Amino acid sequence: MNEPVQVVTIGAATTAFTAVCETCLGIDRAVGLSASKFAGRLDIDLAEGVFLCRRGHHVSVLRAAAATAASESAAA
């Protein structure tokens, strides 16, 4: 079963973040829970990373500068 790609963009100087797993959010709404938030850390020298939420869903995290560069190269 393929799950949708989730992408979170963080600031250029951000290292720690809290995000919401959209897949978990749908599950939580259906059963009345609220465990869809997770926290992570992306070292400043990394432009992107893949994290797992508490339930194991993949969430891609992009640093803002990397996201801008990726969209510029795609437009060229």
PDB file of N, CA and C in Angstrom:
ATOM      1  N   MET A   1       0.844  -1.180   0.000  1.00  0.00           N
ATOM      2  CA  MET A   1       0.000   0.000   0.000  1.00  0.00           C
ATOM      3  C   MET A   1       0.885   1.238   0.000  1.00  0.00           C
ATOM      4  N   ASN A   2       0.664   2.121  -0.962  1.00  0.00           N
ATOM      5  CA  ASN A   2       1.450   3.345  -1.044  1.00  0.00           C
ATOM      6  C   ASN A   2       0.770   4.450  -0.264  1.00  0.00           C
ATOM      7  N   GLU A   3       1.547   5.082   0.594  1.00  0.00           N
ATOM      8  CA  GLU A   3       0.993   6.210   1.329  1.00  0.00           C
ATOM      9  C   GLU A   3       1.402   7.499   0.628  1.00  0.00           C
ATOM     10  N   PRO A   4       0.635   8.569   0.758  1.00  0.00           N
ATOM     11  CA  PRO A   4       0.966   9.825   0.089  1.00  0.00           C
ATOM     12  C   PRO A   4       2.279  10.399   0.618  1.00  0.00           C
ATOM     13  N   VAL A   5       2.987  11.109  -0.249  1.00  0.00           N
ATOM     14  CA  VAL A   5       4.234  11.751   0.143  1.00  0.00           C
ATOM     15  C   VAL A   5       3.893  12.999   0.958  1.00  0.00           C
ATOM     16  N   GLN A   6       4.474  13.076   2.131  1.00  0.00           N
ATOM     17  CA  GLN A   6       4.270  14.244   2.981  1.00  0.00           C
ATOM     18  C   GLN A   6       5.556  15.051   2.988  1.00  0.00           C
ATOM     19  N   VAL A   7       5.455  16.368   2.789  1.00  0.00           N
ATOM     20  CA  VAL A   7       6.622  17.232   2.777  1.00  0.00           C
ATOM     21  C   VAL A   7       6.384  18.378   3.741  1.00  0.00           C
ATOM     22  N   VAL A   8       7.362  18.614   4.610  1.00  0.00           N
ATOM     23  CA  VAL A   8       7.330  19.733   5.551  1.00  0.00           C
ATOM     24  C   VAL A   8       8.532  20.604   5.220  1.00  0.00           C
ATOM     25  N   THR A   9       8.323  21.911   5.105  1.00  0.00           N
ATOM     26  CA  THR A   9       9.419  22.845   4.854  1.00  0.00           C
ATOM     27  C   THR A   9       9.707  23.607   6.132  1.00  0.00           C
ATOM     28  N   ILE A  10      11.009  23.660   6.487  1.00  0.00           N
ATOM     29  CA  ILE A  10      11.426  24.406   7.672  1.00  0.00           C
ATOM     30  C   ILE A  10      12.310  25.572   7.235  1.00  0.00           C
ATOM     31  N   GLY A  11      12.505  26.522   8.125  1.00  0.00           N
ATOM     32  CA  GLY A  11      13.315  27.695   7.824  1.00  0.00           C
ATOM     33  C   GLY A  11      14.773  27.352   7.566  1.00  0.00           C
ATOM     34  N   ALA A  12      15.487  28.261   6.904  1.00  0.00           N
ATOM     35  CA  ALA A  12      16.883  28.035   6.525  1.00  0.00           C
ATOM     36  C   ALA A  12      17.781  27.812   7.739  1.00  0.00           C
ATOM     37  N   ALA A  13      17.484  28.445   8.867  1.00  0.00           N
ATOM     38  CA  ALA A  13      18.328  28.314  10.064  1.00  0.00           C
ATOM     39  C   ALA A  13      17.692  27.444  11.145  1.00  0.00           C
ATOM     40  N   THR A  14      16.586  26.802  10.844  1.00  0.00           N
ATOM     41  CA  THR A  14      15.875  25.978  11.823  1.00  0.00           C
ATOM     42  C   THR A  14      16.534  24.611  11.947  1.00  0.00           C
ATOM     43  N   THR A  15      16.691  24.143  13.180  1.00  0.00           N
ATOM     44  CA  THR A  15      17.213  22.786  13.374  1.00  0.00           C
ATOM     45  C   THR A  15      16.183  21.882  14.036  1.00  0.00           C
ATOM     46  N   ALA A  16      15.399  22.388  14.961  1.00  0.00           N
ATOM     47  CA  ALA A  16      14.374  21.588  15.637  1.00  0.00           C
ATOM     48  C   ALA A  16      12.996  22.018  15.128  1.00  0.00           C
ATOM     49  N   PHE A  17      12.105  21.055  14.989  1.00  0.00           N
ATOM     50  CA  PHE A  17      10.780  21.370  14.469  1.00  0.00           C
ATOM     51  C   PHE A  17       9.735  20.448  15.081  1.00  0.00           C
ATOM     52  N   THR A  18       8.503  20.888  15.029  1.00  0.00           N
ATOM     53  CA  THR A  18       7.342  20.074  15.367  1.00  0.00           C
ATOM     54  C   THR A  18       6.430  20.122  14.156  1.00  0.00           C
ATOM     55  N   ALA A  19       5.948  18.967  13.729  1.00  0.00           N
ATOM     56  CA  ALA A  19       5.107  18.904  12.533  1.00  0.00           C
ATOM     57  C   ALA A  19       3.911  18.004  12.799  1.00  0.00           C
ATOM     58  N   VAL A  20       2.980  18.022  11.873  1.00  0.00           N
ATOM     59  CA  VAL A  20       1.790  17.170  11.940  1.00  0.00           C
ATOM     60  C   VAL A  20       1.867  16.163  10.810  1.00  0.00           C
ATOM     61  N   CYS A  21       1.696  14.902  11.131  1.00  0.00           N
ATOM     62  CA  CYS A  21       1.610  13.855  10.123  1.00  0.00           C
ATOM     63  C   CYS A  21       0.172  13.866   9.593  1.00  0.00           C
ATOM     64  N   GLU A  22       0.021  14.171   8.316  1.00  0.00           N
ATOM     65  CA  GLU A  22      -1.316  14.278   7.729  1.00  0.00           C
ATOM     66  C   GLU A  22      -2.045  12.934   7.719  1.00  0.00           C
ATOM     67  N   THR A  23      -1.309  11.847   7.553  1.00  0.00           N
ATOM     68  CA  THR A  23      -1.929  10.520   7.568  1.00  0.00           C
ATOM     69  C   THR A  23      -2.501  10.228   8.947  1.00  0.00           C
ATOM     70  N   CYS A  24      -1.710  10.505   9.984  1.00  0.00           N
ATOM     71  CA  CYS A  24      -2.185  10.284  11.354  1.00  0.00           C
ATOM     72  C   CYS A  24      -3.351  11.210  11.701  1.00  0.00           C
ATOM     73  N   LEU A  25      -3.309  12.406  11.164  1.00  0.00           N
ATOM     74  CA  LEU A  25      -4.376  13.362  11.442  1.00  0.00           C
ATOM     75  C   LEU A  25      -5.726  12.800  10.983  1.00  0.00           C
ATOM     76  N   GLY A  26      -5.736  12.172   9.821  1.00  0.00           N
ATOM     77  CA  GLY A  26      -6.973  11.548   9.335  1.00  0.00           C
ATOM     78  C   GLY A  26      -7.431  10.412  10.229  1.00  0.00           C
ATOM     79  N   ILE A  27      -6.485   9.598  10.695  1.00  0.00           N
ATOM     80  CA  ILE A  27      -6.816   8.491  11.606  1.00  0.00           C
ATOM     81  C   ILE A  27      -7.349   9.046  12.920  1.00  0.00           C
ATOM     82  N   ASP A  28      -6.660  10.054  13.460  1.00  0.00           N
ATOM     83  CA  ASP A  28      -7.039  10.628  14.747  1.00  0.00           C
ATOM     84  C   ASP A  28      -8.434  11.238  14.705  1.00  0.00           C
ATOM     85  N   ARG A  29      -8.749  11.920  13.628  1.00  0.00           N
ATOM     86  CA  ARG A  29     -10.088  12.528  13.521  1.00  0.00           C
ATOM     87  C   ARG A  29     -11.174  11.463  13.538  1.00  0.00           C
ATOM     88  N   ALA A  30     -10.868  10.321  12.924  1.00  0.00           N
ATOM     89  CA  ALA A  30     -11.859   9.246  12.838  1.00  0.00           C
ATOM     90  C   ALA A  30     -12.136   8.599  14.192  1.00  0.00           C
ATOM     91  N   VAL A  31     -11.128   8.555  15.074  1.00  0.00           N
ATOM     92  CA  VAL A  31     -11.308   7.858  16.346  1.00  0.00           C
ATOM     93  C   VAL A  31     -11.220   8.774  17.572  1.00  0.00           C
ATOM     94  N   GLY A  32     -11.071  10.081  17.346  1.00  0.00           N
ATOM     95  CA  GLY A  32     -11.070  11.019  18.467  1.00  0.00           C
ATOM     96  C   GLY A  32      -9.775  11.109  19.248  1.00  0.00           C
ATOM     97  N   LEU A  33      -8.636  10.800  18.611  1.00  0.00           N
ATOM     98  CA  LEU A  33      -7.339  10.916  19.285  1.00  0.00           C
ATOM     99  C   LEU A  33      -6.603  12.163  18.797  1.00  0.00           C
ATOM    100  N   SER A  34      -5.444  12.430  19.404  1.00  0.00           N
ATOM    101  CA  SER A  34      -4.658  13.585  18.960  1.00  0.00           C
ATOM    102  C   SER A  34      -3.166  13.282  19.050  1.00  0.00           C
ATOM    103  N   ALA A  35      -2.716  12.245  18.369  1.00  0.00           N
ATOM    104  CA  ALA A  35      -1.299  11.864  18.391  1.00  0.00           C
ATOM    105  C   ALA A  35      -0.629  12.159  17.062  1.00  0.00           C
ATOM    106  N   SER A  36      -1.142  13.106  16.292  1.00  0.00           N
ATOM    107  CA  SER A  36      -0.618  13.338  14.957  1.00  0.00           C
ATOM    108  C   SER A  36       0.617  14.242  14.923  1.00  0.00           C
ATOM    109  N   LYS A  37       0.977  14.881  16.037  1.00  0.00           N
ATOM    110  CA  LYS A  37       2.163  15.734  16.068  1.00  0.00           C
ATOM    111  C   LYS A  37       3.402  14.919  16.394  1.00  0.00           C
ATOM    112  N   PHE A  38       4.526  15.317  15.803  1.00  0.00           N
ATOM    113  CA  PHE A  38       5.811  14.712  16.144  1.00  0.00           C
ATOM    114  C   PHE A  38       6.886  15.777  16.050  1.00  0.00           C
ATOM    115  N   ALA A  39       7.987  15.545  16.720  1.00  0.00           N
ATOM    116  CA  ALA A  39       9.098  16.496  16.733  1.00  0.00           C
ATOM    117  C   ALA A  39      10.321  15.837  16.121  1.00  0.00           C
ATOM    118  N   GLY A  40      11.190  16.669  15.562  1.00  0.00           N
ATOM    119  CA  GLY A  40      12.420  16.157  14.970  1.00  0.00           C
ATOM    120  C   GLY A  40      13.501  17.210  14.963  1.00  0.00           C
ATOM    121  N   ARG A  41      14.662  16.814  14.480  1.00  0.00           N
ATOM    122  CA  ARG A  41      15.802  17.713  14.396  1.00  0.00           C
ATOM    123  C   ARG A  41      16.534  17.430  13.094  1.00  0.00           C
ATOM    124  N   LEU A  42      16.816  18.489  12.343  1.00  0.00           N
ATOM    125  CA  LEU A  42      17.569  18.387  11.103  1.00  0.00           C
ATOM    126  C   LEU A  42      18.809  19.253  11.259  1.00  0.00           C
ATOM    127  N   ASP A  43      19.985  18.604  11.298  1.00  0.00           N
ATOM    128  CA  ASP A  43      21.235  19.344  11.481  1.00  0.00           C
ATOM    129  C   ASP A  43      21.365  20.443  10.436  1.00  0.00           C
ATOM    130  N   ILE A  44      21.979  21.539  10.822  1.00  0.00           N
ATOM    131  CA  ILE A  44      22.053  22.739   9.986  1.00  0.00           C
ATOM    132  C   ILE A  44      22.781  22.487   8.663  1.00  0.00           C
ATOM    133  N   ASP A  45      23.675  21.508   8.625  1.00  0.00           N
ATOM    134  CA  ASP A  45      24.417  21.242   7.393  1.00  0.00           C
ATOM    135  C   ASP A  45      23.659  20.330   6.424  1.00  0.00           C
ATOM    136  N   LEU A  46      22.468  19.880   6.795  1.00  0.00           N
ATOM    137  CA  LEU A  46      21.651  19.030   5.924  1.00  0.00           C
ATOM    138  C   LEU A  46      20.530  19.839   5.295  1.00  0.00           C
ATOM    139  N   ALA A  47      20.304  19.643   4.016  1.00  0.00           N
ATOM    140  CA  ALA A  47      19.259  20.356   3.295  1.00  0.00           C
ATOM    141  C   ALA A  47      17.910  19.644   3.374  1.00  0.00           C
ATOM    142  N   GLU A  48      17.941  18.340   3.608  1.00  0.00           N
ATOM    143  CA  GLU A  48      16.691  17.580   3.676  1.00  0.00           C
ATOM    144  C   GLU A  48      16.901  16.301   4.469  1.00  0.00           C
ATOM    145  N   GLY A  49      15.792  15.719   4.885  1.00  0.00           N
ATOM    146  CA  GLY A  49      15.833  14.469   5.620  1.00  0.00           C
ATOM    147  C   GLY A  49      14.484  13.797   5.563  1.00  0.00           C
ATOM    148  N   VAL A  50      14.454  12.519   5.887  1.00  0.00           N
ATOM    149  CA  VAL A  50      13.195  11.774   5.950  1.00  0.00           C
ATOM    150  C   VAL A  50      13.031  11.299   7.385  1.00  0.00           C
ATOM    151  N   PHE A  51      11.861  11.584   7.945  1.00  0.00           N
ATOM    152  CA  PHE A  51      11.565  11.241   9.329  1.00  0.00           C
ATOM    153  C   PHE A  51      10.363  10.322   9.364  1.00  0.00           C
ATOM    154  N   LEU A  52      10.237   9.606  10.464  1.00  0.00           N
ATOM    155  CA  LEU A  52       9.064   8.773  10.698  1.00  0.00           C
ATOM    156  C   LEU A  52       8.265   9.380  11.832  1.00  0.00           C
ATOM    157  N   CYS A  53       6.945   9.451  11.655  1.00  0.00           N
ATOM    158  CA  CYS A  53       6.097   9.902  12.750  1.00  0.00           C
ATOM    159  C   CYS A  53       5.998   8.779  13.776  1.00  0.00           C
ATOM    160  N   ARG A  54       5.238   8.975  14.817  1.00  0.00           N
ATOM    161  CA  ARG A  54       5.106   7.958  15.877  1.00  0.00           C
ATOM    162  C   ARG A  54       4.540   6.644  15.368  1.00  0.00           C
ATOM    163  N   ARG A  55       3.737   6.713  14.321  1.00  0.00           N
ATOM    164  CA  ARG A  55       3.128   5.500  13.773  1.00  0.00           C
ATOM    165  C   ARG A  55       3.907   4.928  12.590  1.00  0.00           C
ATOM    166  N   GLY A  56       5.027   5.543  12.242  1.00  0.00           N
ATOM    167  CA  GLY A  56       5.877   5.011  11.184  1.00  0.00           C
ATOM    168  C   GLY A  56       5.643   5.541   9.784  1.00  0.00           C
ATOM    169  N   HIS A  57       4.848   6.611   9.623  1.00  0.00           N
ATOM    170  CA  HIS A  57       4.643   7.198   8.303  1.00  0.00           C
ATOM    171  C   HIS A  57       5.844   8.073   7.943  1.00  0.00           C
ATOM    172  N   HIS A  58       6.254   8.032   6.674  1.00  0.00           N
ATOM    173  CA  HIS A  58       7.393   8.828   6.206  1.00  0.00           C
ATOM    174  C   HIS A  58       6.980  10.282   5.981  1.00  0.00           C
ATOM    175  N   VAL A  59       7.818  11.200   6.482  1.00  0.00           N
ATOM    176  CA  VAL A  59       7.608  12.628   6.281  1.00  0.00           C
ATOM    177  C   VAL A  59       8.936  13.212   5.821  1.00  0.00           C
ATOM    178  N   SER A  60       8.969  13.805   4.615  1.00  0.00           N
ATOM    179  CA  SER A  60      10.176  14.457   4.108  1.00  0.00           C
ATOM    180  C   SER A  60      10.237  15.874   4.653  1.00  0.00           C
ATOM    181  N   VAL A  61      11.395  16.259   5.151  1.00  0.00           N
ATOM    182  CA  VAL A  61      11.598  17.601   5.679  1.00  0.00           C
ATOM    183  C   VAL A  61      12.639  18.288   4.813  1.00  0.00           C
ATOM    184  N   LEU A  62      12.269  19.449   4.266  1.00  0.00           N
ATOM    185  CA  LEU A  62      13.164  20.233   3.416  1.00  0.00           C
ATOM    186  C   LEU A  62      13.482  21.554   4.085  1.00  0.00           C
ATOM    187  N   ARG A  63      14.737  21.945   4.031  1.00  0.00           N
ATOM    188  CA  ARG A  63      15.138  23.262   4.512  1.00  0.00           C
ATOM    189  C   ARG A  63      14.717  24.281   3.449  1.00  0.00           C
ATOM    190  N   ALA A  64      14.237  25.448   3.836  1.00  0.00           N
ATOM    191  CA  ALA A  64      13.672  26.447   2.924  1.00  0.00           C
ATOM    192  C   ALA A  64      14.615  26.764   1.769  1.00  0.00           C
ATOM    193  N   ALA A  65      15.888  26.936   1.997  1.00  0.00           N
ATOM    194  CA  ALA A  65      16.835  27.238   0.930  1.00  0.00           C
ATOM    195  C   ALA A  65      16.896  26.092  -0.076  1.00  0.00           C
ATOM    196  N   ALA A  66      16.832  24.853   0.388  1.00  0.00           N
ATOM    197  CA  ALA A  66      16.862  23.687  -0.497  1.00  0.00           C
ATOM    198  C   ALA A  66      15.569  23.599  -1.306  1.00  0.00           C
ATOM    199  N   ALA A  67      14.454  23.918  -0.701  1.00  0.00           N
ATOM    200  CA  ALA A  67      13.171  23.873  -1.397  1.00  0.00           C
ATOM    201  C   ALA A  67      13.145  24.909  -2.516  1.00  0.00           C
ATOM    202  N   THR A  68      13.707  26.101  -2.271  1.00  0.00           N
ATOM    203  CA  THR A  68      13.751  27.154  -3.278  1.00  0.00           C
ATOM    204  C   THR A  68      14.652  26.737  -4.447  1.00  0.00           C
ATOM    205  N   ALA A  69      15.807  26.174  -4.135  1.00  0.00           N
ATOM    206  CA  ALA A  69      16.729  25.729  -5.186  1.00  0.00           C
ATOM    207  C   ALA A  69      16.114  24.621  -6.035  1.00  0.00           C
ATOM    208  N   ALA A  70      15.406  23.704  -5.409  1.00  0.00           N
ATOM    209  CA  ALA A  70      14.767  22.601  -6.133  1.00  0.00           C
ATOM    210  C   ALA A  70      13.700  23.124  -7.085  1.00  0.00           C
ATOM    211  N   SER A  71      12.900  24.086  -6.658  1.00  0.00           N
ATOM    212  CA  SER A  71      11.846  24.622  -7.519  1.00  0.00           C
ATOM    213  C   SER A  71      12.431  25.449  -8.663  1.00  0.00           C
ATOM    214  N   GLU A  72      13.556  26.139  -8.416  1.00  0.00           N
ATOM    215  CA  GLU A  72      14.207  26.922  -9.473  1.00  0.00           C
ATOM    216  C   GLU A  72      14.796  26.007 -10.543  1.00  0.00           C
ATOM    217  N   SER A  73      15.409  24.896 -10.149  1.00  0.00           N
ATOM    218  CA  SER A  73      16.001  23.981 -11.136  1.00  0.00           C
ATOM    219  C   SER A  73      14.908  23.243 -11.907  1.00  0.00           C
ATOM    220  N   ALA A  74      13.769  23.006 -11.290  1.00  0.00           N
ATOM    221  CA  ALA A  74      12.658  22.343 -11.977  1.00  0.00           C
ATOM    222  C   ALA A  74      12.036  23.273 -13.007  1.00  0.00           C
ATOM    223  N   ALA A  75      12.068  24.574 -12.747  1.00  0.00           N
ATOM    224  CA  ALA A  75      11.482  25.547 -13.659  1.00  0.00           C
ATOM    225  C   ALA A  75      12.374  25.809 -14.870  1.00  0.00           C
ATOM    226  N   ALA A  76      13.643  25.496 -14.769  1.00  0.00           N
ATOM    227  CA  ALA A  76      14.593  25.779 -15.860  1.00  0.00           C
ATOM    228  C   ALA A  76      14.455  24.829 -17.005  1.00  0.00           C
TER     229      ALA A  76
END
